[in-house]
PDB file of all heavy atoms in Angstrom:
ATOM      1  N   GLY A   1     404.087  41.490 -62.019  1.00  0.00           N
ATOM      2  CA  GLY A   1     403.439  42.761 -62.346  1.00  0.00           C
ATOM      3  C   GLY A   1     402.973  43.474 -61.090  1.00  0.00           C
ATOM      4  O   GLY A   1     402.767  42.861 -60.050  1.00  0.00           O
ATOM      5  N   PRO A   2     402.816  44.784 -61.176  1.00  0.00           N
ATOM      6  CA  PRO A   2     402.439  45.557 -59.984  1.00  0.00           C
ATOM      7  C   PRO A   2     401.056  45.150 -59.459  1.00  0.00           C
ATOM      8  O   PRO A   2     400.203  44.688 -60.204  1.00  0.00           O
ATOM      9  CB  PRO A   2     402.441  47.002 -60.477  1.00  0.00           C
ATOM     10  CG  PRO A   2     402.288  46.899 -61.952  1.00  0.00           C
ATOM     11  CD  PRO A   2     402.914  45.609 -62.366  1.00  0.00           C
ATOM     12  N   ILE A   3     400.867  45.356 -58.174  1.00  0.00           N
ATOM     13  CA  ILE A   3     399.590  45.063 -57.523  1.00  0.00           C
ATOM     14  C   ILE A   3     398.675  46.271 -57.697  1.00  0.00           C
ATOM     15  O   ILE A   3     399.094  47.411 -57.516  1.00  0.00           O
ATOM     16  CB  ILE A   3     399.804  44.766 -56.020  1.00  0.00           C
ATOM     17  CG1 ILE A   3     400.688  43.529 -55.847  1.00  0.00           C
ATOM     18  CG2 ILE A   3     398.479  44.595 -55.291  1.00  0.00           C
ATOM     19  CD1 ILE A   3     400.136  42.276 -56.469  1.00  0.00           C
ATOM     20  N   SER A   4     397.435  45.989 -58.054  1.00  0.00           N
ATOM     21  CA  SER A   4     396.471  47.068 -58.244  1.00  0.00           C
ATOM     22  C   SER A   4     395.240  46.811 -57.381  1.00  0.00           C
ATOM     23  O   SER A   4     395.196  45.865 -56.589  1.00  0.00           O
ATOM     24  CB  SER A   4     396.066  47.158 -59.718  1.00  0.00           C
ATOM     25  OG  SER A   4     395.298  46.020 -60.085  1.00  0.00           O
ATOM     26  N   LYS A   5     394.243  47.651 -57.597  1.00  0.00           N
ATOM     27  CA  LYS A   5     392.985  47.494 -56.874  1.00  0.00           C
ATOM     28  C   LYS A   5     392.343  46.138 -57.188  1.00  0.00           C
ATOM     29  O   LYS A   5     391.651  45.565 -56.349  1.00  0.00           O
ATOM     30  CB  LYS A   5     392.044  48.636 -57.266  1.00  0.00           C
ATOM     31  CG  LYS A   5     390.799  48.713 -56.435  1.00  0.00           C
ATOM     32  CD  LYS A   5     389.936  49.878 -56.877  1.00  0.00           C
ATOM     33  CE  LYS A   5     389.903  50.869 -55.753  1.00  0.00           C
ATOM     34  NZ  LYS A   5     389.006  51.998 -56.046  1.00  0.00           N
ATOM     35  N   LEU A   6     392.589  45.617 -58.387  1.00  0.00           N
ATOM     36  CA  LEU A   6     392.035  44.317 -58.780  1.00  0.00           C
ATOM     37  C   LEU A   6     392.480  43.211 -57.820  1.00  0.00           C
ATOM     38  O   LEU A   6     391.658  42.417 -57.355  1.00  0.00           O
ATOM     39  CB  LEU A   6     392.455  43.961 -60.213  1.00  0.00           C
ATOM     40  CG  LEU A   6     392.051  42.570 -60.697  1.00  0.00           C
ATOM     41  CD1 LEU A   6     390.547  42.503 -60.925  1.00  0.00           C
ATOM     42  CD2 LEU A   6     392.798  42.208 -61.961  1.00  0.00           C
ATOM     43  N   GLN A   7     393.755  43.162 -57.522  1.00  0.00           N
ATOM     44  CA  GLN A   7     394.274  42.129 -56.624  1.00  0.00           C
ATOM     45  C   GLN A   7     393.740  42.322 -55.203  1.00  0.00           C
ATOM     46  O   GLN A   7     393.416  41.354 -54.525  1.00  0.00           O
ATOM     47  CB  GLN A   7     395.807  42.109 -56.623  1.00  0.00           C
ATOM     48  CG  GLN A   7     396.414  41.493 -57.862  1.00  0.00           C
ATOM     49  CD  GLN A   7     396.327  42.390 -59.086  1.00  0.00           C
ATOM     50  OE1 GLN A   7     396.345  43.618 -58.980  1.00  0.00           O
ATOM     51  NE2 GLN A   7     396.238  41.782 -60.260  1.00  0.00           N
ATOM     52  N   THR A   8     393.647  43.565 -54.766  1.00  0.00           N
ATOM     53  CA  THR A   8     393.136  43.840 -53.425  1.00  0.00           C
ATOM     54  C   THR A   8     391.676  43.409 -53.308  1.00  0.00           C
ATOM     55  O   THR A   8     391.295  42.695 -52.374  1.00  0.00           O
ATOM     56  CB  THR A   8     393.273  45.336 -53.091  1.00  0.00           C
ATOM     57  OG1 THR A   8     394.633  45.721 -53.255  1.00  0.00           O
ATOM     58  CG2 THR A   8     392.813  45.628 -51.670  1.00  0.00           C
ATOM     59  N   LEU A   9     390.854  43.840 -54.254  1.00  0.00           N
ATOM     60  CA  LEU A   9     389.439  43.463 -54.225  1.00  0.00           C
ATOM     61  C   LEU A   9     389.272  41.954 -54.411  1.00  0.00           C
ATOM     62  O   LEU A   9     388.430  41.331 -53.770  1.00  0.00           O
ATOM     63  CB  LEU A   9     388.667  44.225 -55.308  1.00  0.00           C
ATOM     64  CG  LEU A   9     388.518  45.728 -55.083  1.00  0.00           C
ATOM     65  CD1 LEU A   9     387.859  46.383 -56.292  1.00  0.00           C
ATOM     66  CD2 LEU A   9     387.732  46.015 -53.824  1.00  0.00           C
ATOM     67  N   GLY A  10     390.080  41.385 -55.295  1.00  0.00           N
ATOM     68  CA  GLY A  10     389.995  39.949 -55.542  1.00  0.00           C
ATOM     69  C   GLY A  10     390.345  39.131 -54.315  1.00  0.00           C
ATOM     70  O   GLY A  10     389.653  38.170 -53.966  1.00  0.00           O
ATOM     71  N   ALA A  11     391.423  39.501 -53.631  1.00  0.00           N
ATOM     72  CA  ALA A  11     391.825  38.777 -52.419  1.00  0.00           C
ATOM     73  C   ALA A  11     390.755  38.896 -51.340  1.00  0.00           C
ATOM     74  O   ALA A  11     390.441  37.913 -50.648  1.00  0.00           O
ATOM     75  CB  ALA A  11     393.172  39.293 -51.912  1.00  0.00           C
ATOM     76  N   GLY A  12     390.178  40.079 -51.192  1.00  0.00           N
ATOM     77  CA  GLY A  12     389.096  40.265 -50.222  1.00  0.00           C
ATOM     78  C   GLY A  12     387.862  39.454 -50.582  1.00  0.00           C
ATOM     79  O   GLY A  12     387.254  38.805 -49.725  1.00  0.00           O
ATOM     80  N   PHE A  13     387.493  39.490 -51.865  1.00  0.00           N
ATOM     81  CA  PHE A  13     386.349  38.702 -52.334  1.00  0.00           C
ATOM     82  C   PHE A  13     386.579  37.216 -52.098  1.00  0.00           C
ATOM     83  O   PHE A  13     385.674  36.505 -51.633  1.00  0.00           O
ATOM     84  CB  PHE A  13     386.113  38.967 -53.827  1.00  0.00           C
ATOM     85  CG  PHE A  13     385.108  38.035 -54.445  1.00  0.00           C
ATOM     86  CD1 PHE A  13     383.749  38.218 -54.248  1.00  0.00           C
ATOM     87  CD2 PHE A  13     385.525  36.964 -55.225  1.00  0.00           C
ATOM     88  CE1 PHE A  13     382.819  37.349 -54.815  1.00  0.00           C
ATOM     89  CE2 PHE A  13     384.612  36.094 -55.796  1.00  0.00           C
ATOM     90  CZ  PHE A  13     383.247  36.288 -55.592  1.00  0.00           C
ATOM     91  N   LEU A  14     387.782  36.751 -52.396  1.00  0.00           N
ATOM     92  CA  LEU A  14     388.087  35.331 -52.213  1.00  0.00           C
ATOM     93  C   LEU A  14     388.044  34.939 -50.742  1.00  0.00           C
ATOM     94  O   LEU A  14     387.468  33.904 -50.380  1.00  0.00           O
ATOM     95  CB  LEU A  14     389.439  34.989 -52.831  1.00  0.00           C
ATOM     96  CG  LEU A  14     389.473  35.018 -54.360  1.00  0.00           C
ATOM     97  CD1 LEU A  14     390.907  35.000 -54.863  1.00  0.00           C
ATOM     98  CD2 LEU A  14     388.677  33.868 -54.943  1.00  0.00           C
ATOM     99  N   ALA A  15     388.643  35.750 -49.882  1.00  0.00           N
ATOM    100  CA  ALA A  15     388.638  35.422 -48.451  1.00  0.00           C
ATOM    101  C   ALA A  15     387.208  35.346 -47.917  1.00  0.00           C
ATOM    102  O   ALA A  15     386.827  34.380 -47.244  1.00  0.00           O
ATOM    103  CB  ALA A  15     389.449  36.450 -47.665  1.00  0.00           C
ATOM    104  N   LEU A  16     386.392  36.342 -48.248  1.00  0.00           N
ATOM    105  CA  LEU A  16     385.004  36.347 -47.780  1.00  0.00           C
ATOM    106  C   LEU A  16     384.169  35.262 -48.455  1.00  0.00           C
ATOM    107  O   LEU A  16     383.356  34.596 -47.804  1.00  0.00           O
ATOM    108  CB  LEU A  16     384.370  37.720 -48.032  1.00  0.00           C
ATOM    109  CG  LEU A  16     384.871  38.863 -47.157  1.00  0.00           C
ATOM    110  CD1 LEU A  16     384.274  40.193 -47.614  1.00  0.00           C
ATOM    111  CD2 LEU A  16     384.547  38.598 -45.707  1.00  0.00           C
ATOM    112  N   GLY A  17     384.370  35.090 -49.753  1.00  0.00           N
ATOM    113  CA  GLY A  17     383.593  34.100 -50.489  1.00  0.00           C
ATOM    114  C   GLY A  17     383.886  32.675 -50.050  1.00  0.00           C
ATOM    115  O   GLY A  17     382.969  31.865 -49.862  1.00  0.00           O
ATOM    116  N   LEU A  18     385.167  32.359 -49.882  1.00  0.00           N
ATOM    117  CA  LEU A  18     385.532  31.014 -49.440  1.00  0.00           C
ATOM    118  C   LEU A  18     385.008  30.756 -48.025  1.00  0.00           C
ATOM    119  O   LEU A  18     384.471  29.683 -47.734  1.00  0.00           O
ATOM    120  CB  LEU A  18     387.046  30.819 -49.478  1.00  0.00           C
ATOM    121  CG  LEU A  18     387.733  30.919 -50.846  1.00  0.00           C
ATOM    122  CD1 LEU A  18     389.237  30.745 -50.705  1.00  0.00           C
ATOM    123  CD2 LEU A  18     387.176  29.933 -51.824  1.00  0.00           C
ATOM    124  N   ALA A  19     385.170  31.749 -47.145  1.00  0.00           N
ATOM    125  CA  ALA A  19     384.688  31.588 -45.771  1.00  0.00           C
ATOM    126  C   ALA A  19     383.166  31.459 -45.743  1.00  0.00           C
ATOM    127  O   ALA A  19     382.622  30.626 -44.996  1.00  0.00           O
ATOM    128  CB  ALA A  19     385.142  32.772 -44.916  1.00  0.00           C
ATOM    129  N   GLY A  20     382.482  32.236 -46.556  1.00  0.00           N
ATOM    130  CA  GLY A  20     381.022  32.154 -46.607  1.00  0.00           C
ATOM    131  C   GLY A  20     380.534  30.818 -47.141  1.00  0.00           C
ATOM    132  O   GLY A  20     379.550  30.256 -46.646  1.00  0.00           O
ATOM    133  N   THR A  21     381.230  30.301 -48.138  1.00  0.00           N
ATOM    134  CA  THR A  21     380.826  29.033 -48.733  1.00  0.00           C
ATOM    135  C   THR A  21     381.000  27.876 -47.752  1.00  0.00           C
ATOM    136  O   THR A  21     380.080  27.084 -47.539  1.00  0.00           O
ATOM    137  CB  THR A  21     381.627  28.764 -50.028  1.00  0.00           C
ATOM    138  OG1 THR A  21     381.399  29.840 -50.939  1.00  0.00           O
ATOM    139  CG2 THR A  21     381.191  27.464 -50.673  1.00  0.00           C
ATOM    140  N   VAL A  22     382.172  27.766 -47.158  1.00  0.00           N
ATOM    141  CA  VAL A  22     382.386  26.668 -46.211  1.00  0.00           C
ATOM    142  C   VAL A  22     381.578  26.910 -44.933  1.00  0.00           C
ATOM    143  O   VAL A  22     381.097  25.958 -44.309  1.00  0.00           O
ATOM    144  CB  VAL A  22     383.886  26.432 -45.933  1.00  0.00           C
ATOM    145  CG1 VAL A  22     384.451  27.413 -44.928  1.00  0.00           C
ATOM    146  CG2 VAL A  22     384.129  25.006 -45.477  1.00  0.00           C
ATOM    147  N   GLY A  23     381.383  28.164 -44.570  1.00  0.00           N
ATOM    148  CA  GLY A  23     380.529  28.469 -43.424  1.00  0.00           C
ATOM    149  C   GLY A  23     379.085  28.044 -43.673  1.00  0.00           C
ATOM    150  O   GLY A  23     378.411  27.532 -42.774  1.00  0.00           O
ATOM    151  N   GLY A  24     378.623  28.247 -44.896  1.00  0.00           N
ATOM    152  CA  GLY A  24     377.282  27.793 -45.256  1.00  0.00           C
ATOM    153  C   GLY A  24     377.162  26.284 -45.172  1.00  0.00           C
ATOM    154  O   GLY A  24     376.161  25.747 -44.676  1.00  0.00           O
ATOM    155  N   ALA A  25     378.185  25.583 -45.659  1.00  0.00           N
ATOM    156  CA  ALA A  25     378.177  24.116 -45.579  1.00  0.00           C
ATOM    157  C   ALA A  25     378.157  23.653 -44.126  1.00  0.00           C
ATOM    158  O   ALA A  25     377.412  22.725 -43.773  1.00  0.00           O
ATOM    159  CB  ALA A  25     379.404  23.546 -46.300  1.00  0.00           C
ATOM    160  N   LEU A  26     378.945  24.304 -43.284  1.00  0.00           N
ATOM    161  CA  LEU A  26     378.954  23.946 -41.862  1.00  0.00           C
ATOM    162  C   LEU A  26     377.615  24.280 -41.204  1.00  0.00           C
ATOM    163  O   LEU A  26     377.140  23.545 -40.332  1.00  0.00           O
ATOM    164  CB  LEU A  26     380.103  24.661 -41.148  1.00  0.00           C
ATOM    165  CG  LEU A  26     381.500  24.158 -41.511  1.00  0.00           C
ATOM    166  CD1 LEU A  26     382.566  25.123 -40.994  1.00  0.00           C
ATOM    167  CD2 LEU A  26     381.723  22.760 -40.965  1.00  0.00           C
ATOM    168  N   GLY A  27     376.992  25.369 -41.629  1.00  0.00           N
ATOM    169  CA  GLY A  27     375.674  25.727 -41.116  1.00  0.00           C
ATOM    170  C   GLY A  27     374.618  24.691 -41.479  1.00  0.00           C
ATOM    171  O   GLY A  27     373.803  24.290 -40.642  1.00  0.00           O
ATOM    172  N   PHE A  28     374.621  24.267 -42.748  1.00  0.00           N
ATOM    173  CA  PHE A  28     373.682  23.220 -43.162  1.00  0.00           C
ATOM    174  C   PHE A  28     373.915  21.940 -42.360  1.00  0.00           C
ATOM    175  O   PHE A  28     372.973  21.238 -42.029  1.00  0.00           O
ATOM    176  CB  PHE A  28     373.803  22.930 -44.655  1.00  0.00           C
ATOM    177  CG  PHE A  28     373.009  23.858 -45.524  1.00  0.00           C
ATOM    178  CD1 PHE A  28     373.643  24.824 -46.275  1.00  0.00           C
ATOM    179  CD2 PHE A  28     371.629  23.763 -45.578  1.00  0.00           C
ATOM    180  CE1 PHE A  28     372.915  25.686 -47.078  1.00  0.00           C
ATOM    181  CE2 PHE A  28     370.887  24.627 -46.380  1.00  0.00           C
ATOM    182  CZ  PHE A  28     371.528  25.601 -47.128  1.00  0.00           C
ATOM    183  N   GLN A  29     375.163  21.675 -42.041  1.00  0.00           N
ATOM    184  CA  GLN A  29     375.478  20.459 -41.291  1.00  0.00           C
ATOM    185  C   GLN A  29     375.036  20.585 -39.832  1.00  0.00           C
ATOM    186  O   GLN A  29     374.312  19.731 -39.324  1.00  0.00           O
ATOM    187  CB  GLN A  29     376.971  20.167 -41.360  1.00  0.00           C
ATOM    188  CG  GLN A  29     377.381  18.956 -40.535  1.00  0.00           C
ATOM    189  CD  GLN A  29     378.883  18.703 -40.554  1.00  0.00           C
ATOM    190  OE1 GLN A  29     379.608  19.255 -41.370  1.00  0.00           O
ATOM    191  NE2 GLN A  29     379.345  17.870 -39.648  1.00  0.00           N
ATOM    192  N   HIS A  30     375.485  21.636 -39.158  1.00  0.00           N
ATOM    193  CA  HIS A  30     375.282  21.726 -37.716  1.00  0.00           C
ATOM    194  C   HIS A  30     373.940  22.344 -37.318  1.00  0.00           C
ATOM    195  O   HIS A  30     373.404  22.015 -36.254  1.00  0.00           O
ATOM    196  CB  HIS A  30     376.429  22.503 -37.069  1.00  0.00           C
ATOM    197  CG  HIS A  30     377.745  21.790 -37.185  1.00  0.00           C
ATOM    198  ND1 HIS A  30     378.018  20.632 -36.498  1.00  0.00           N
ATOM    199  CD2 HIS A  30     378.845  22.053 -37.941  1.00  0.00           C
ATOM    200  CE1 HIS A  30     379.241  20.220 -36.811  1.00  0.00           C
ATOM    201  NE2 HIS A  30     379.762  21.066 -37.687  1.00  0.00           N
ATOM    202  N   LEU A  31     373.411  23.232 -38.134  1.00  0.00           N
ATOM    203  CA  LEU A  31     372.131  23.853 -37.808  1.00  0.00           C
ATOM    204  C   LEU A  31     370.980  23.201 -38.565  1.00  0.00           C
ATOM    205  O   LEU A  31     369.880  23.079 -38.033  1.00  0.00           O
ATOM    206  CB  LEU A  31     372.173  25.351 -38.119  1.00  0.00           C
ATOM    207  CG  LEU A  31     373.244  26.161 -37.386  1.00  0.00           C
ATOM    208  CD1 LEU A  31     373.258  27.598 -37.870  1.00  0.00           C
ATOM    209  CD2 LEU A  31     373.030  26.093 -35.886  1.00  0.00           C
ATOM    210  N   GLY A  32     371.250  22.809 -39.804  1.00  0.00           N
ATOM    211  CA  GLY A  32     370.197  22.224 -40.628  1.00  0.00           C
ATOM    212  C   GLY A  32     370.050  20.723 -40.495  1.00  0.00           C
ATOM    213  O   GLY A  32     369.074  20.143 -40.964  1.00  0.00           O
ATOM    214  N   GLY A  33     371.046  20.075 -39.895  1.00  0.00           N
ATOM    215  CA  GLY A  33     370.955  18.640 -39.685  1.00  0.00           C
ATOM    216  C   GLY A  33     371.331  17.790 -40.889  1.00  0.00           C
ATOM    217  O   GLY A  33     371.096  16.588 -40.885  1.00  0.00           O
ATOM    218  N   TYR A  34     371.916  18.396 -41.924  1.00  0.00           N
ATOM    219  CA  TYR A  34     372.356  17.634 -43.088  1.00  0.00           C
ATOM    220  C   TYR A  34     373.680  16.954 -42.756  1.00  0.00           C
ATOM    221  O   TYR A  34     374.664  17.625 -42.457  1.00  0.00           O
ATOM    222  CB  TYR A  34     372.539  18.540 -44.312  1.00  0.00           C
ATOM    223  CG  TYR A  34     371.247  19.039 -44.885  1.00  0.00           C
ATOM    224  CD1 TYR A  34     370.691  20.239 -44.458  1.00  0.00           C
ATOM    225  CD2 TYR A  34     370.573  18.314 -45.861  1.00  0.00           C
ATOM    226  CE1 TYR A  34     369.501  20.713 -44.983  1.00  0.00           C
ATOM    227  CE2 TYR A  34     369.384  18.770 -46.392  1.00  0.00           C
ATOM    228  CZ  TYR A  34     368.847  19.966 -45.954  1.00  0.00           C
ATOM    229  OH  TYR A  34     367.663  20.423 -46.475  1.00  0.00           O
TER     230      TYR A  34
END
């Protein structure tokens, strides 16, 4: 099916969300000492 704004926004949300989530885990590990 054709690509719409949904796929564009979704891909952007996923890229930022996944990076933020694993970045948060790395932050808790390296900065928080967990």
